[in-house]
């Protein structure tokens, strides 16, 4: 009977491991209380603005916040939508490069680069992506998250460690 339990446990773990190492693994995040209408605040060591292209380049210890969301990087390029007579230009896209770190509540993710679209609330991370949610840790080549729904997809060579349930 004991050997049957061990074999059953191994079969479940092997099945879970195969799923975790698949080309795409679905993940989910706690959805923060943040709206796409909330302001985006950016701080950095330096700022260069190009009005012709509608972009602002922040360099050095960059911190981007929107509500409970927080993005840190070495460099961030913010692209703005064109302003109209009735509305100022909104942030259309935030591109981060170098030592990218993202937090949403207790969930954290790290990568080499990331793109965040505040209007659609989509975050794309690439390059040695590492996602930590409590005890759950997963790594891969790329991560696409919908921050509105809290659902996402880890892509590329996905790696995780499955912990046996404490008895």
N, C-alpha and C. Protein backbone atom coordinates (compact mmCIF):
# COMPACT_ATOMS: atom_id res chain seq x y z
N UNK A 1 0.83 -1.20 0.00
CA UNK A 1 0.00 0.00 0.00
C UNK A 1 0.87 1.26 0.00
N UNK A 2 1.92 1.27 0.81
CA UNK A 2 2.83 2.40 0.89
C UNK A 2 3.49 2.66 -0.46
N UNK A 3 3.92 1.58 -1.17
CA UNK A 3 4.55 1.75 -2.47
C UNK A 3 3.57 2.32 -3.49
N UNK A 4 2.28 1.97 -3.40
CA UNK A 4 1.27 2.52 -4.29
C UNK A 4 1.14 4.03 -4.08
N UNK A 5 1.18 4.49 -2.81
CA UNK A 5 1.10 5.92 -2.52
C UNK A 5 2.32 6.65 -3.10
N UNK A 6 3.48 6.07 -2.96
CA UNK A 6 4.70 6.69 -3.48
C UNK A 6 4.64 6.78 -5.00
N UNK A 7 4.22 5.67 -5.66
CA UNK A 7 4.11 5.67 -7.12
C UNK A 7 3.07 6.68 -7.58
N UNK A 8 1.93 6.75 -6.89
CA UNK A 8 0.89 7.71 -7.24
C UNK A 8 1.40 9.14 -7.11
N UNK A 9 2.11 9.41 -6.02
CA UNK A 9 2.67 10.75 -5.80
C UNK A 9 3.68 11.09 -6.88
N UNK A 10 4.56 10.14 -7.23
CA UNK A 10 5.54 10.37 -8.29
C UNK A 10 4.86 10.62 -9.63
N UNK A 11 3.80 9.88 -9.93
CA UNK A 11 3.09 10.07 -11.19
C UNK A 11 2.48 11.46 -11.28
N UNK A 12 1.89 11.91 -10.17
CA UNK A 12 1.31 13.26 -10.15
C UNK A 12 2.40 14.30 -10.32
N UNK A 13 3.52 14.15 -9.60
CA UNK A 13 4.62 15.12 -9.71
C UNK A 13 5.23 15.13 -11.11
N UNK A 14 5.40 13.96 -11.72
CA UNK A 14 5.94 13.90 -13.07
C UNK A 14 4.97 14.58 -14.04
N UNK A 15 3.69 14.31 -13.89
CA UNK A 15 2.68 14.95 -14.74
C UNK A 15 2.70 16.46 -14.58
N UNK A 16 2.82 16.94 -13.36
CA UNK A 16 2.87 18.37 -13.11
C UNK A 16 4.16 18.95 -13.66
N UNK A 17 5.27 18.23 -13.53
CA UNK A 17 6.55 18.72 -14.04
C UNK A 17 6.51 18.85 -15.55
N UNK A 18 5.91 17.86 -16.23
CA UNK A 18 5.80 17.95 -17.68
C UNK A 18 5.00 19.18 -18.07
N UNK A 19 3.91 19.45 -17.37
CA UNK A 19 3.10 20.64 -17.66
C UNK A 19 3.90 21.91 -17.40
N UNK A 20 4.68 21.92 -16.34
CA UNK A 20 5.44 23.12 -15.99
C UNK A 20 6.56 23.39 -16.99
N UNK A 21 7.08 22.35 -17.64
CA UNK A 21 8.16 22.55 -18.59
C UNK A 21 7.66 22.69 -20.02
N UNK A 22 6.36 22.78 -20.21
CA UNK A 22 5.80 22.96 -21.55
C UNK A 22 6.22 24.31 -22.10
N UNK A 23 5.99 24.53 -23.39
CA UNK A 23 6.39 25.78 -24.03
C UNK A 23 5.64 26.98 -23.48
N UNK A 24 4.47 26.82 -22.94
CA UNK A 24 3.72 27.94 -22.36
C UNK A 24 3.01 27.49 -21.11
N UNK A 25 3.16 28.23 -20.04
CA UNK A 25 2.52 27.90 -18.78
C UNK A 25 1.69 29.08 -18.34
N UNK A 26 0.41 28.82 -18.07
CA UNK A 26 -0.47 29.89 -17.64
C UNK A 26 -0.22 30.22 -16.17
N UNK A 27 -0.19 31.51 -15.87
CA UNK A 27 0.00 31.99 -14.50
C UNK A 27 -1.10 33.00 -14.21
N UNK A 28 -1.30 33.29 -12.94
CA UNK A 28 -2.26 34.33 -12.59
C UNK A 28 -1.70 35.16 -11.45
N UNK A 29 -2.11 36.43 -11.41
CA UNK A 29 -1.68 37.36 -10.37
C UNK A 29 -2.88 37.86 -9.61
N UNK A 30 -2.64 38.26 -8.38
CA UNK A 30 -3.68 38.96 -7.64
C UNK A 30 -3.92 40.28 -8.36
N UNK A 31 -5.17 40.57 -8.69
CA UNK A 31 -5.47 41.80 -9.42
C UNK A 31 -5.48 42.98 -8.47
N UNK A 32 -4.58 43.94 -8.66
CA UNK A 32 -4.50 45.08 -7.75
C UNK A 32 -5.65 46.04 -7.97
N UNK A 33 -5.93 46.83 -6.95
CA UNK A 33 -6.95 47.87 -7.03
C UNK A 33 -6.35 49.08 -7.74
N UNK A 34 -6.19 48.97 -9.05
CA UNK A 34 -5.60 50.03 -9.85
C UNK A 34 -6.42 50.18 -11.11
N UNK A 35 -6.65 51.40 -11.52
CA UNK A 35 -7.41 51.68 -12.72
C UNK A 35 -6.48 52.24 -13.79
N UNK A 36 -6.81 51.98 -15.07
CA UNK A 36 -6.01 52.54 -16.15
C UNK A 36 -6.14 54.05 -16.20
N UNK A 37 -7.13 54.61 -15.51
CA UNK A 37 -7.30 56.06 -15.47
C UNK A 37 -6.40 56.73 -14.43
N UNK A 38 -5.80 55.93 -13.53
CA UNK A 38 -4.93 56.51 -12.50
C UNK A 38 -3.66 57.06 -13.14
N UNK A 39 -3.13 58.11 -12.53
CA UNK A 39 -1.92 58.72 -13.06
C UNK A 39 -0.74 57.77 -12.95
N UNK A 40 0.20 57.95 -13.87
CA UNK A 40 1.45 57.19 -13.87
C UNK A 40 2.54 58.15 -13.41
N UNK A 41 3.23 57.81 -12.32
CA UNK A 41 4.30 58.66 -11.80
C UNK A 41 5.64 58.01 -12.10
N UNK A 42 6.59 58.81 -12.61
CA UNK A 42 7.92 58.30 -12.93
C UNK A 42 8.97 59.18 -12.25
N UNK A 43 9.94 58.54 -11.59
CA UNK A 43 11.07 59.26 -11.01
C UNK A 43 12.36 58.61 -11.53
N UNK A 44 13.41 59.44 -11.69
CA UNK A 44 14.70 58.93 -12.18
C UNK A 44 15.79 59.94 -11.89
N UNK A 45 17.03 59.56 -12.22
CA UNK A 45 18.17 60.48 -12.06
C UNK A 45 18.18 61.55 -13.14
N UNK A 46 17.85 61.17 -14.39
CA UNK A 46 17.82 62.15 -15.48
C UNK A 46 16.60 61.92 -16.36
N UNK A 47 16.22 62.98 -17.10
CA UNK A 47 15.08 62.92 -18.02
C UNK A 47 15.42 63.69 -19.28
N UNK A 48 15.16 63.08 -20.44
CA UNK A 48 15.30 63.73 -21.74
C UNK A 48 13.95 63.63 -22.44
N UNK A 49 13.41 64.76 -22.93
CA UNK A 49 12.10 64.79 -23.57
C UNK A 49 12.25 65.19 -25.03
N UNK A 50 11.55 64.47 -25.91
CA UNK A 50 11.52 64.79 -27.32
C UNK A 50 10.06 65.01 -27.71
N UNK A 51 9.65 66.26 -27.83
CA UNK A 51 8.25 66.58 -28.14
C UNK A 51 7.85 66.12 -29.54
N UNK A 52 8.80 66.09 -30.48
CA UNK A 52 8.49 65.67 -31.84
C UNK A 52 8.06 64.21 -31.90
N UNK A 53 8.75 63.36 -31.15
CA UNK A 53 8.42 61.93 -31.16
C UNK A 53 7.44 61.57 -30.05
N UNK A 54 7.18 62.47 -29.12
CA UNK A 54 6.26 62.18 -28.02
C UNK A 54 6.82 61.18 -27.04
N UNK A 55 8.12 61.24 -26.81
CA UNK A 55 8.71 60.30 -25.86
C UNK A 55 9.55 61.02 -24.81
N UNK A 56 9.59 60.38 -23.66
CA UNK A 56 10.42 60.85 -22.55
C UNK A 56 11.33 59.69 -22.15
N UNK A 57 12.63 59.96 -22.01
CA UNK A 57 13.59 58.92 -21.66
C UNK A 57 14.09 59.20 -20.24
N UNK A 58 13.81 58.28 -19.34
CA UNK A 58 14.24 58.37 -17.94
C UNK A 58 15.40 57.41 -17.76
N UNK A 59 16.50 57.89 -17.16
CA UNK A 59 17.69 57.06 -16.99
C UNK A 59 18.17 57.14 -15.54
N UNK A 60 18.52 55.98 -14.99
CA UNK A 60 19.10 55.90 -13.65
C UNK A 60 18.09 55.73 -12.54
N UNK A 61 18.09 54.56 -11.92
CA UNK A 61 17.21 54.27 -10.78
C UNK A 61 15.77 54.70 -11.05
N UNK A 62 15.22 54.24 -12.16
CA UNK A 62 13.88 54.64 -12.57
C UNK A 62 12.83 53.85 -11.78
N UNK A 63 11.81 54.58 -11.29
CA UNK A 63 10.69 53.99 -10.58
C UNK A 63 9.41 54.51 -11.23
N UNK A 64 8.57 53.59 -11.72
CA UNK A 64 7.28 53.93 -12.33
C UNK A 64 6.19 53.35 -11.44
N UNK A 65 5.22 54.18 -11.04
CA UNK A 65 4.11 53.68 -10.22
C UNK A 65 2.78 54.10 -10.83
N UNK A 66 1.81 53.21 -10.69
CA UNK A 66 0.42 53.49 -11.03
C UNK A 66 -0.41 52.72 -10.03
N UNK A 67 -0.98 53.45 -9.06
CA UNK A 67 -1.72 52.77 -8.00
C UNK A 67 -0.79 51.83 -7.24
N UNK A 68 -1.19 50.55 -7.16
CA UNK A 68 -0.39 49.54 -6.45
C UNK A 68 0.71 48.93 -7.32
N UNK A 69 0.74 49.26 -8.61
CA UNK A 69 1.75 48.70 -9.51
C UNK A 69 3.03 49.50 -9.40
N UNK A 70 4.16 48.78 -9.47
CA UNK A 70 5.46 49.44 -9.36
C UNK A 70 6.43 48.75 -10.31
N UNK A 71 7.14 49.56 -11.13
CA UNK A 71 8.10 49.05 -12.08
C UNK A 71 9.41 49.79 -11.87
N UNK A 72 10.51 49.04 -11.69
CA UNK A 72 11.84 49.63 -11.51
C UNK A 72 12.73 49.15 -12.65
N UNK A 73 13.64 50.03 -13.12
CA UNK A 73 14.55 49.66 -14.20
C UNK A 73 15.70 50.65 -14.27
N UNK A 74 16.72 50.29 -15.06
CA UNK A 74 17.84 51.19 -15.31
C UNK A 74 17.44 52.34 -16.22
N UNK A 75 16.61 52.01 -17.25
CA UNK A 75 16.16 53.02 -18.20
C UNK A 75 14.72 52.75 -18.59
N UNK A 76 13.93 53.80 -18.72
CA UNK A 76 12.54 53.69 -19.13
C UNK A 76 12.23 54.74 -20.18
N UNK A 77 11.62 54.31 -21.28
CA UNK A 77 11.16 55.22 -22.33
C UNK A 77 9.63 55.24 -22.27
N UNK A 78 9.07 56.43 -22.07
CA UNK A 78 7.61 56.59 -22.01
C UNK A 78 7.16 57.23 -23.31
N UNK A 79 6.23 56.57 -23.99
CA UNK A 79 5.65 57.08 -25.23
C UNK A 79 4.26 57.62 -24.92
N UNK A 80 3.98 58.83 -25.40
CA UNK A 80 2.70 59.48 -25.13
C UNK A 80 1.82 59.47 -26.37
N UNK A 81 0.49 59.36 -26.16
CA UNK A 81 -0.46 59.55 -27.24
C UNK A 81 -0.48 61.03 -27.60
N UNK A 82 -0.88 61.33 -28.81
CA UNK A 82 -0.96 62.72 -29.22
C UNK A 82 -2.09 63.42 -28.47
N UNK A 83 -1.82 64.61 -27.98
CA UNK A 83 -2.82 65.39 -27.26
C UNK A 83 -3.85 65.96 -28.24
N UNK A 84 -5.06 66.16 -27.74
CA UNK A 84 -6.10 66.81 -28.53
C UNK A 84 -6.48 68.11 -27.85
N UNK A 85 -7.43 68.84 -28.47
CA UNK A 85 -7.89 70.09 -27.87
C UNK A 85 -8.60 69.87 -26.54
N UNK A 86 -9.19 68.67 -26.39
CA UNK A 86 -9.98 68.39 -25.18
C UNK A 86 -9.26 67.51 -24.18
N UNK A 87 -8.13 66.92 -24.59
CA UNK A 87 -7.46 65.97 -23.69
C UNK A 87 -5.96 66.05 -23.87
N UNK A 88 -5.22 66.11 -22.75
CA UNK A 88 -3.75 66.07 -22.87
C UNK A 88 -3.31 64.67 -23.30
N UNK A 89 -2.10 64.56 -23.84
CA UNK A 89 -1.58 63.26 -24.24
C UNK A 89 -1.44 62.33 -23.05
N UNK A 90 -1.99 61.12 -23.19
CA UNK A 90 -1.87 60.10 -22.13
C UNK A 90 -0.66 59.22 -22.39
N UNK A 91 -0.23 58.53 -21.35
CA UNK A 91 0.85 57.56 -21.50
C UNK A 91 0.30 56.38 -22.29
N UNK A 92 0.93 56.10 -23.43
CA UNK A 92 0.49 54.99 -24.27
C UNK A 92 1.28 53.72 -23.99
N UNK A 93 2.58 53.88 -23.70
CA UNK A 93 3.45 52.71 -23.53
C UNK A 93 4.64 53.08 -22.67
N UNK A 94 5.07 52.14 -21.83
CA UNK A 94 6.24 52.31 -20.98
C UNK A 94 7.19 51.16 -21.29
N UNK A 95 8.37 51.47 -21.82
CA UNK A 95 9.37 50.45 -22.17
C UNK A 95 10.53 50.53 -21.19
N UNK A 96 10.80 49.43 -20.51
CA UNK A 96 11.85 49.39 -19.49
C UNK A 96 12.97 48.45 -19.94
N UNK A 97 14.22 48.87 -19.68
CA UNK A 97 15.40 48.07 -20.03
C UNK A 97 16.36 48.03 -18.85
N UNK A 98 16.93 46.85 -18.62
CA UNK A 98 17.98 46.70 -17.62
C UNK A 98 17.47 46.56 -16.20
N UNK A 99 17.72 45.42 -15.59
CA UNK A 99 17.36 45.15 -14.18
C UNK A 99 15.91 45.52 -13.89
N UNK A 100 15.01 45.00 -14.71
CA UNK A 100 13.59 45.31 -14.56
C UNK A 100 13.00 44.51 -13.41
N UNK A 101 12.27 45.20 -12.56
CA UNK A 101 11.63 44.59 -11.39
C UNK A 101 10.21 45.13 -11.32
N UNK A 102 9.21 44.24 -11.25
CA UNK A 102 7.81 44.63 -11.24
C UNK A 102 7.13 44.05 -10.01
N UNK A 103 6.30 44.85 -9.32
CA UNK A 103 5.53 44.34 -8.20
C UNK A 103 4.06 44.72 -8.36
N UNK A 104 3.21 43.80 -7.94
CA UNK A 104 1.77 44.01 -7.92
C UNK A 104 1.28 43.32 -6.65
N UNK A 105 1.02 44.12 -5.62
CA UNK A 105 0.69 43.51 -4.33
C UNK A 105 1.87 42.72 -3.82
N UNK A 106 1.67 41.43 -3.52
CA UNK A 106 2.75 40.58 -3.02
C UNK A 106 3.48 39.84 -4.13
N UNK A 107 2.96 39.90 -5.36
CA UNK A 107 3.59 39.22 -6.49
C UNK A 107 4.74 40.06 -7.03
N UNK A 108 5.83 39.40 -7.43
CA UNK A 108 6.98 40.11 -8.00
C UNK A 108 7.47 39.38 -9.25
N UNK A 109 8.04 40.15 -10.16
CA UNK A 109 8.62 39.57 -11.37
C UNK A 109 9.88 40.36 -11.72
N UNK A 110 10.86 39.65 -12.28
CA UNK A 110 12.12 40.27 -12.70
C UNK A 110 12.40 39.85 -14.13
N UNK A 111 13.08 40.74 -14.89
CA UNK A 111 13.46 40.41 -16.27
C UNK A 111 14.52 41.39 -16.74
N UNK A 112 14.96 41.21 -18.00
CA UNK A 112 15.92 42.14 -18.59
C UNK A 112 15.21 43.32 -19.23
N UNK A 113 13.97 43.11 -19.75
CA UNK A 113 13.22 44.20 -20.35
C UNK A 113 11.72 43.96 -20.16
N UNK A 114 10.95 45.06 -20.30
CA UNK A 114 9.50 44.96 -20.14
C UNK A 114 8.83 46.10 -20.89
N UNK A 115 7.59 45.84 -21.32
CA UNK A 115 6.74 46.86 -21.92
C UNK A 115 5.40 46.81 -21.21
N UNK A 116 4.96 47.99 -20.74
CA UNK A 116 3.69 48.10 -20.05
C UNK A 116 2.80 49.08 -20.81
N UNK A 117 1.56 48.66 -21.10
CA UNK A 117 0.58 49.52 -21.75
C UNK A 117 -0.50 49.87 -20.74
N UNK A 118 -0.46 51.08 -20.16
CA UNK A 118 -1.42 51.44 -19.12
C UNK A 118 -2.88 51.39 -19.56
N UNK A 119 -3.18 51.73 -20.81
CA UNK A 119 -4.57 51.75 -21.26
C UNK A 119 -5.16 50.35 -21.29
N UNK A 120 -4.41 49.38 -21.82
CA UNK A 120 -4.90 48.00 -21.89
C UNK A 120 -4.51 47.19 -20.66
N UNK A 121 -3.62 47.75 -19.85
CA UNK A 121 -3.10 47.12 -18.63
C UNK A 121 -2.41 45.79 -18.93
N UNK A 122 -1.66 45.76 -20.03
CA UNK A 122 -0.90 44.57 -20.40
C UNK A 122 0.58 44.81 -20.12
N UNK A 123 1.22 43.81 -19.52
CA UNK A 123 2.65 43.85 -19.23
C UNK A 123 3.32 42.69 -19.95
N UNK A 124 4.36 43.00 -20.73
CA UNK A 124 5.15 41.98 -21.41
C UNK A 124 6.58 42.07 -20.88
N UNK A 125 7.10 40.97 -20.37
CA UNK A 125 8.46 40.92 -19.84
C UNK A 125 9.24 39.89 -20.64
N UNK A 126 10.54 40.16 -20.88
CA UNK A 126 11.35 39.20 -21.62
C UNK A 126 12.79 39.22 -21.12
N UNK A 127 13.45 38.10 -21.36
CA UNK A 127 14.85 37.96 -20.96
C UNK A 127 15.00 37.51 -19.53
N UNK A 128 15.21 36.23 -19.33
CA UNK A 128 15.43 35.66 -18.00
C UNK A 128 14.34 36.09 -17.01
N UNK A 129 13.11 35.80 -17.35
CA UNK A 129 11.97 36.20 -16.51
C UNK A 129 11.86 35.28 -15.30
N UNK A 130 11.62 35.88 -14.15
CA UNK A 130 11.50 35.17 -12.87
C UNK A 130 10.26 35.72 -12.17
N UNK A 131 9.26 34.89 -11.91
CA UNK A 131 8.01 35.30 -11.26
C UNK A 131 7.87 34.58 -9.93
N UNK A 132 7.58 35.36 -8.88
CA UNK A 132 7.39 34.79 -7.54
C UNK A 132 6.04 35.21 -7.00
N UNK A 133 5.24 34.22 -6.62
CA UNK A 133 3.93 34.43 -6.03
C UNK A 133 3.86 33.60 -4.76
N UNK A 134 4.16 34.22 -3.63
CA UNK A 134 4.20 33.46 -2.38
C UNK A 134 5.28 32.40 -2.47
N UNK A 135 4.91 31.14 -2.28
CA UNK A 135 5.87 30.03 -2.37
C UNK A 135 6.08 29.55 -3.80
N UNK A 136 5.19 29.95 -4.71
CA UNK A 136 5.26 29.53 -6.11
C UNK A 136 6.26 30.39 -6.87
N UNK A 137 7.22 29.73 -7.53
CA UNK A 137 8.24 30.42 -8.31
C UNK A 137 8.29 29.75 -9.68
N UNK A 138 8.30 30.58 -10.73
CA UNK A 138 8.41 30.05 -12.09
C UNK A 138 9.31 30.98 -12.89
N UNK A 139 10.11 30.39 -13.78
CA UNK A 139 11.02 31.17 -14.61
C UNK A 139 10.83 30.77 -16.06
N UNK A 140 11.12 31.70 -16.97
CA UNK A 140 10.99 31.41 -18.40
C UNK A 140 11.64 32.50 -19.23
N UNK A 141 11.42 32.42 -20.53
CA UNK A 141 12.00 33.39 -21.46
C UNK A 141 11.17 34.66 -21.57
N UNK A 142 9.84 34.53 -21.46
CA UNK A 142 8.97 35.69 -21.62
C UNK A 142 7.69 35.49 -20.80
N UNK A 143 7.09 36.61 -20.42
CA UNK A 143 5.86 36.59 -19.64
C UNK A 143 4.94 37.68 -20.17
N UNK A 144 3.70 37.32 -20.43
CA UNK A 144 2.68 38.28 -20.86
C UNK A 144 1.57 38.25 -19.82
N UNK A 145 1.28 39.41 -19.21
CA UNK A 145 0.26 39.49 -18.16
C UNK A 145 -0.81 40.50 -18.51
N UNK A 146 -2.06 40.13 -18.27
CA UNK A 146 -3.17 41.07 -18.34
C UNK A 146 -3.46 41.47 -16.90
N UNK A 147 -3.12 42.69 -16.52
CA UNK A 147 -3.27 43.12 -15.14
C UNK A 147 -4.72 43.41 -14.78
N UNK A 148 -5.59 43.52 -15.78
CA UNK A 148 -7.02 43.72 -15.53
C UNK A 148 -7.63 42.43 -14.99
N UNK A 149 -7.28 41.30 -15.63
CA UNK A 149 -7.85 40.01 -15.24
C UNK A 149 -6.95 39.23 -14.29
N UNK A 150 -5.65 39.60 -14.25
CA UNK A 150 -4.72 38.88 -13.40
C UNK A 150 -4.20 37.61 -14.04
N UNK A 151 -4.51 37.36 -15.30
CA UNK A 151 -4.08 36.14 -15.99
C UNK A 151 -2.89 36.43 -16.88
N UNK A 152 -2.05 35.42 -17.05
CA UNK A 152 -0.87 35.59 -17.88
C UNK A 152 -0.35 34.28 -18.42
N UNK A 153 0.68 34.39 -19.26
CA UNK A 153 1.28 33.24 -19.90
C UNK A 153 2.80 33.36 -19.82
N UNK A 154 3.47 32.36 -19.24
CA UNK A 154 4.93 32.28 -19.24
C UNK A 154 5.30 31.46 -20.46
N UNK A 155 6.26 31.96 -21.24
CA UNK A 155 6.61 31.32 -22.50
C UNK A 155 8.09 30.99 -22.56
N UNK A 156 8.45 30.15 -23.54
CA UNK A 156 9.84 29.74 -23.72
C UNK A 156 10.12 28.52 -22.86
N UNK A 157 11.33 28.33 -22.50
CA UNK A 157 11.69 27.20 -21.65
C UNK A 157 11.28 27.54 -20.22
N UNK A 158 10.14 26.99 -19.77
CA UNK A 158 9.56 27.31 -18.47
C UNK A 158 10.10 26.33 -17.43
N UNK A 159 10.51 26.91 -16.27
CA UNK A 159 11.06 26.09 -15.19
C UNK A 159 10.39 26.45 -13.87
N UNK A 160 10.11 25.42 -13.08
CA UNK A 160 9.56 25.64 -11.73
C UNK A 160 9.96 24.47 -10.85
N UNK A 161 9.85 24.64 -9.57
CA UNK A 161 10.09 23.57 -8.60
C UNK A 161 8.78 23.36 -7.85
N UNK A 162 8.32 22.13 -7.83
CA UNK A 162 7.07 21.80 -7.16
C UNK A 162 7.38 21.27 -5.76
N UNK A 163 6.80 21.89 -4.77
CA UNK A 163 7.02 21.48 -3.40
C UNK A 163 5.94 20.50 -2.97
N UNK A 164 6.33 19.37 -2.35
CA UNK A 164 5.30 18.43 -1.87
C UNK A 164 4.50 19.09 -0.75
N UNK A 165 3.24 18.72 -0.66
CA UNK A 165 2.38 19.29 0.37
C UNK A 165 2.83 18.78 1.74
N UNK A 166 2.91 19.69 2.71
CA UNK A 166 3.31 19.31 4.08
C UNK A 166 2.24 18.41 4.69
N UNK A 167 2.69 17.39 5.41
CA UNK A 167 1.72 16.46 6.02
C UNK A 167 1.67 16.66 7.50
